[in-house]
């Protein structure tokens, strides 16, 4: 079973980091932070369900 608290924490921290990057006017970094978090949480979810 997926650990939704861990998945939430990964996404929440990534959103926080992405917002900080946007505050620094670095949209490319924000995009990469969010993409990496999306991939990480998807992989963890799939591993937990498999």
PDB file of N, CA and C in Angstrom:
ATOM      1  N   UNK A   1       0.846  -1.186   0.000  1.00  0.00           N
ATOM      2  CA  UNK A   1       0.000   0.000   0.000  1.00  0.00           C
ATOM      3  C   UNK A   1       0.891   1.249   0.000  1.00  0.00           C
ATOM      4  N   UNK A   2       0.506   2.215  -0.768  1.00  0.00           N
ATOM      5  CA  UNK A   2       1.281   3.438  -0.889  1.00  0.00           C
ATOM      6  C   UNK A   2       1.249   4.248   0.410  1.00  0.00           C
ATOM      7  N   UNK A   3       2.384   4.848   0.740  1.00  0.00           N
ATOM      8  CA  UNK A   3       2.493   5.718   1.910  1.00  0.00           C
ATOM      9  C   UNK A   3       2.146   7.136   1.453  1.00  0.00           C
ATOM     10  N   UNK A   4       0.870   7.476   1.529  1.00  0.00           N
ATOM     11  CA  UNK A   4       0.400   8.759   1.014  1.00  0.00           C
ATOM     12  C   UNK A   4       0.982   9.947   1.764  1.00  0.00           C
ATOM     13  N   UNK A   5       1.308   9.761   3.035  1.00  0.00           N
ATOM     14  CA  UNK A   5       1.926  10.855   3.791  1.00  0.00           C
ATOM     15  C   UNK A   5       3.298  11.180   3.194  1.00  0.00           C
ATOM     16  N   UNK A   6       4.069  10.162   2.843  1.00  0.00           N
ATOM     17  CA  UNK A   6       5.383  10.380   2.226  1.00  0.00           C
ATOM     18  C   UNK A   6       5.222  11.014   0.847  1.00  0.00           C
ATOM     19  N   UNK A   7       4.266  10.531   0.063  1.00  0.00           N
ATOM     20  CA  UNK A   7       4.037  11.101  -1.268  1.00  0.00           C
ATOM     21  C   UNK A   7       3.640  12.571  -1.158  1.00  0.00           C
ATOM     22  N   UNK A   8       2.780  12.877  -0.197  1.00  0.00           N
ATOM     23  CA  UNK A   8       2.358  14.257   0.020  1.00  0.00           C
ATOM     24  C   UNK A   8       3.551  15.131   0.397  1.00  0.00           C
ATOM     25  N   UNK A   9       4.406  14.617   1.263  1.00  0.00           N
ATOM     26  CA  UNK A   9       5.569  15.381   1.701  1.00  0.00           C
ATOM     27  C   UNK A   9       6.497  15.691   0.532  1.00  0.00           C
ATOM     28  N   UNK A  10       6.699  14.734  -0.338  1.00  0.00           N
ATOM     29  CA  UNK A  10       7.546  14.956  -1.509  1.00  0.00           C
ATOM     30  C   UNK A  10       6.966  16.071  -2.376  1.00  0.00           C
ATOM     31  N   UNK A  11       5.681  15.985  -2.659  1.00  0.00           N
ATOM     32  CA  UNK A  11       5.028  16.989  -3.502  1.00  0.00           C
ATOM     33  C   UNK A  11       5.006  18.357  -2.819  1.00  0.00           C
ATOM     34  N   UNK A  12       4.672  18.386  -1.532  1.00  0.00           N
ATOM     35  CA  UNK A  12       4.614  19.661  -0.815  1.00  0.00           C
ATOM     36  C   UNK A  12       5.962  20.360  -0.830  1.00  0.00           C
ATOM     37  N   UNK A  13       7.023  19.610  -0.548  1.00  0.00           N
ATOM     38  CA  UNK A  13       8.360  20.205  -0.543  1.00  0.00           C
ATOM     39  C   UNK A  13       8.761  20.688  -1.932  1.00  0.00           C
ATOM     40  N   UNK A  14       8.384  19.947  -2.954  1.00  0.00           N
ATOM     41  CA  UNK A  14       8.701  20.362  -4.314  1.00  0.00           C
ATOM     42  C   UNK A  14       7.961  21.643  -4.692  1.00  0.00           C
ATOM     43  N   UNK A  15       6.713  21.742  -4.301  1.00  0.00           N
ATOM     44  CA  UNK A  15       5.945  22.957  -4.587  1.00  0.00           C
ATOM     45  C   UNK A  15       6.588  24.149  -3.881  1.00  0.00           C
ATOM     46  N   UNK A  16       6.999  23.951  -2.642  1.00  0.00           N
ATOM     47  CA  UNK A  16       7.667  25.024  -1.897  1.00  0.00           C
ATOM     48  C   UNK A  16       8.952  25.452  -2.612  1.00  0.00           C
ATOM     49  N   UNK A  17       9.752  24.482  -3.025  1.00  0.00           N
ATOM     50  CA  UNK A  17      10.998  24.791  -3.730  1.00  0.00           C
ATOM     51  C   UNK A  17      10.722  25.465  -5.072  1.00  0.00           C
ATOM     52  N   UNK A  18       9.702  25.009  -5.775  1.00  0.00           N
ATOM     53  CA  UNK A  18       9.352  25.600  -7.071  1.00  0.00           C
ATOM     54  C   UNK A  18       8.875  27.040  -6.897  1.00  0.00           C
ATOM     55  N   UNK A  19       8.095  27.299  -5.868  1.00  0.00           N
ATOM     56  CA  UNK A  19       7.650  28.669  -5.608  1.00  0.00           C
ATOM     57  C   UNK A  19       8.835  29.581  -5.296  1.00  0.00           C
ATOM     58  N   UNK A  20       9.799  29.067  -4.550  1.00  0.00           N
ATOM     59  CA  UNK A  20      11.007  29.841  -4.274  1.00  0.00           C
ATOM     60  C   UNK A  20      11.771  30.133  -5.555  1.00  0.00           C
ATOM     61  N   UNK A  21      11.858  29.149  -6.435  1.00  0.00           N
ATOM     62  CA  UNK A  21      12.528  29.352  -7.716  1.00  0.00           C
ATOM     63  C   UNK A  21      11.789  30.405  -8.544  1.00  0.00           C
ATOM     64  N   UNK A  22      10.468  30.378  -8.522  1.00  0.00           N
ATOM     65  CA  UNK A  22       9.686  31.378  -9.246  1.00  0.00           C
ATOM     66  C   UNK A  22       9.891  32.769  -8.651  1.00  0.00           C
ATOM     67  N   UNK A  23      10.009  32.853  -7.333  1.00  0.00           N
ATOM     68  CA  UNK A  23      10.294  34.135  -6.693  1.00  0.00           C
ATOM     69  C   UNK A  23      11.623  34.705  -7.185  1.00  0.00           C
ATOM     70  N   UNK A  24      12.546  33.809  -7.524  1.00  0.00           N
ATOM     71  CA  UNK A  24      13.850  34.212  -8.057  1.00  0.00           C
ATOM     72  C   UNK A  24      13.816  34.341  -9.585  1.00  0.00           C
ATOM     73  N   UNK A  25      12.614  34.268 -10.143  1.00  0.00           N
ATOM     74  CA  UNK A  25      12.378  34.378 -11.586  1.00  0.00           C
ATOM     75  C   UNK A  25      13.128  33.299 -12.369  1.00  0.00           C
ATOM     76  N   UNK A  26      13.119  32.090 -11.829  1.00  0.00           N
ATOM     77  CA  UNK A  26      13.769  30.965 -12.485  1.00  0.00           C
ATOM     78  C   UNK A  26      12.715  29.901 -12.794  1.00  0.00           C
ATOM     79  N   UNK A  27      11.955  30.152 -13.839  1.00  0.00           N
ATOM     80  CA  UNK A  27      10.862  29.260 -14.212  1.00  0.00           C
ATOM     81  C   UNK A  27      11.374  27.893 -14.658  1.00  0.00           C
ATOM     82  N   UNK A  28      12.517  27.857 -15.301  1.00  0.00           N
ATOM     83  CA  UNK A  28      13.070  26.585 -15.749  1.00  0.00           C
ATOM     84  C   UNK A  28      13.392  25.668 -14.591  1.00  0.00           C
ATOM     85  N   UNK A  29      13.973  26.220 -13.546  1.00  0.00           N
ATOM     86  CA  UNK A  29      14.286  25.429 -12.363  1.00  0.00           C
ATOM     87  C   UNK A  29      12.998  24.972 -11.685  1.00  0.00           C
ATOM     88  N   UNK A  30      12.016  25.848 -11.599  1.00  0.00           N
ATOM     89  CA  UNK A  30      10.735  25.483 -10.986  1.00  0.00           C
ATOM     90  C   UNK A  30      10.097  24.321 -11.742  1.00  0.00           C
ATOM     91  N   UNK A  31      10.140  24.394 -13.054  1.00  0.00           N
ATOM     92  CA  UNK A  31       9.562  23.333 -13.886  1.00  0.00           C
ATOM     93  C   UNK A  31      10.277  22.007 -13.643  1.00  0.00           C
ATOM     94  N   UNK A  32      11.591  22.034 -13.559  1.00  0.00           N
ATOM     95  CA  UNK A  32      12.366  20.810 -13.343  1.00  0.00           C
ATOM     96  C   UNK A  32      12.118  20.232 -11.950  1.00  0.00           C
ATOM     97  N   UNK A  33      11.997  21.086 -10.949  1.00  0.00           N
ATOM     98  CA  UNK A  33      11.693  20.624  -9.591  1.00  0.00           C
ATOM     99  C   UNK A  33      10.358  19.886  -9.572  1.00  0.00           C
ATOM    100  N   UNK A  34       9.349  20.465 -10.204  1.00  0.00           N
ATOM    101  CA  UNK A  34       8.020  19.841 -10.222  1.00  0.00           C
ATOM    102  C   UNK A  34       8.017  18.551 -11.027  1.00  0.00           C
ATOM    103  N   UNK A  35       8.720  18.545 -12.149  1.00  0.00           N
ATOM    104  CA  UNK A  35       8.786  17.336 -12.975  1.00  0.00           C
ATOM    105  C   UNK A  35       9.463  16.198 -12.199  1.00  0.00           C
ATOM    106  N   UNK A  36      10.556  16.499 -11.520  1.00  0.00           N
ATOM    107  CA  UNK A  36      11.273  15.474 -10.749  1.00  0.00           C
ATOM    108  C   UNK A  36      10.400  14.926  -9.617  1.00  0.00           C
ATOM    109  N   UNK A  37       9.669  15.805  -8.953  1.00  0.00           N
ATOM    110  CA  UNK A  37       8.782  15.358  -7.874  1.00  0.00           C
ATOM    111  C   UNK A  37       7.652  14.489  -8.418  1.00  0.00           C
ATOM    112  N   UNK A  38       7.130  14.872  -9.560  1.00  0.00           N
ATOM    113  CA  UNK A  38       6.071  14.081 -10.181  1.00  0.00           C
ATOM    114  C   UNK A  38       6.582  12.681 -10.497  1.00  0.00           C
ATOM    115  N   UNK A  39       7.753  12.594 -11.068  1.00  0.00           N
ATOM    116  CA  UNK A  39       8.327  11.293 -11.415  1.00  0.00           C
ATOM    117  C   UNK A  39       8.632  10.468 -10.169  1.00  0.00           C
ATOM    118  N   UNK A  40       9.188  11.109  -9.154  1.00  0.00           N
ATOM    119  CA  UNK A  40       9.537  10.389  -7.925  1.00  0.00           C
ATOM    120  C   UNK A  40       8.303   9.821  -7.239  1.00  0.00           C
ATOM    121  N   UNK A  41       7.260  10.630  -7.148  1.00  0.00           N
ATOM    122  CA  UNK A  41       6.054  10.133  -6.469  1.00  0.00           C
ATOM    123  C   UNK A  41       5.357   9.055  -7.297  1.00  0.00           C
ATOM    124  N   UNK A  42       5.379   9.200  -8.604  1.00  0.00           N
ATOM    125  CA  UNK A  42       4.781   8.174  -9.454  1.00  0.00           C
ATOM    126  C   UNK A  42       5.523   6.848  -9.299  1.00  0.00           C
ATOM    127  N   UNK A  43       6.849   6.892  -9.296  1.00  0.00           N
ATOM    128  CA  UNK A  43       7.641   5.673  -9.131  1.00  0.00           C
ATOM    129  C   UNK A  43       7.385   5.020  -7.773  1.00  0.00           C
ATOM    130  N   UNK A  44       7.329   5.833  -6.712  1.00  0.00           N
ATOM    131  CA  UNK A  44       7.060   5.283  -5.385  1.00  0.00           C
ATOM    132  C   UNK A  44       5.671   4.657  -5.309  1.00  0.00           C
ATOM    133  N   UNK A  45       4.707   5.298  -5.933  1.00  0.00           N
ATOM    134  CA  UNK A  45       3.340   4.777  -5.925  1.00  0.00           C
ATOM    135  C   UNK A  45       3.291   3.429  -6.660  1.00  0.00           C
ATOM    136  N   UNK A  46       3.886   3.387  -7.826  1.00  0.00           N
ATOM    137  CA  UNK A  46       3.881   2.150  -8.617  1.00  0.00           C
ATOM    138  C   UNK A  46       4.602   1.027  -7.874  1.00  0.00           C
ATOM    139  N   UNK A  47       5.748   1.350  -7.272  1.00  0.00           N
ATOM    140  CA  UNK A  47       6.494   0.336  -6.505  1.00  0.00           C
ATOM    141  C   UNK A  47       5.675  -0.196  -5.335  1.00  0.00           C
ATOM    142  N   UNK A  48       4.951   0.689  -4.668  1.00  0.00           N
ATOM    143  CA  UNK A  48       4.171   0.277  -3.504  1.00  0.00           C
ATOM    144  C   UNK A  48       2.977  -0.572  -3.904  1.00  0.00           C
ATOM    145  N   UNK A  49       2.411  -0.308  -5.063  1.00  0.00           N
ATOM    146  CA  UNK A  49       1.224  -1.046  -5.512  1.00  0.00           C
ATOM    147  C   UNK A  49       1.579  -2.364  -6.199  1.00  0.00           C
ATOM    148  N   UNK A  50       2.822  -2.500  -6.634  1.00  0.00           N
ATOM    149  CA  UNK A  50       3.223  -3.664  -7.407  1.00  0.00           C
ATOM    150  C   UNK A  50       3.602  -4.820  -6.630  1.00  0.00           C
TER     151      UNK A  50
END
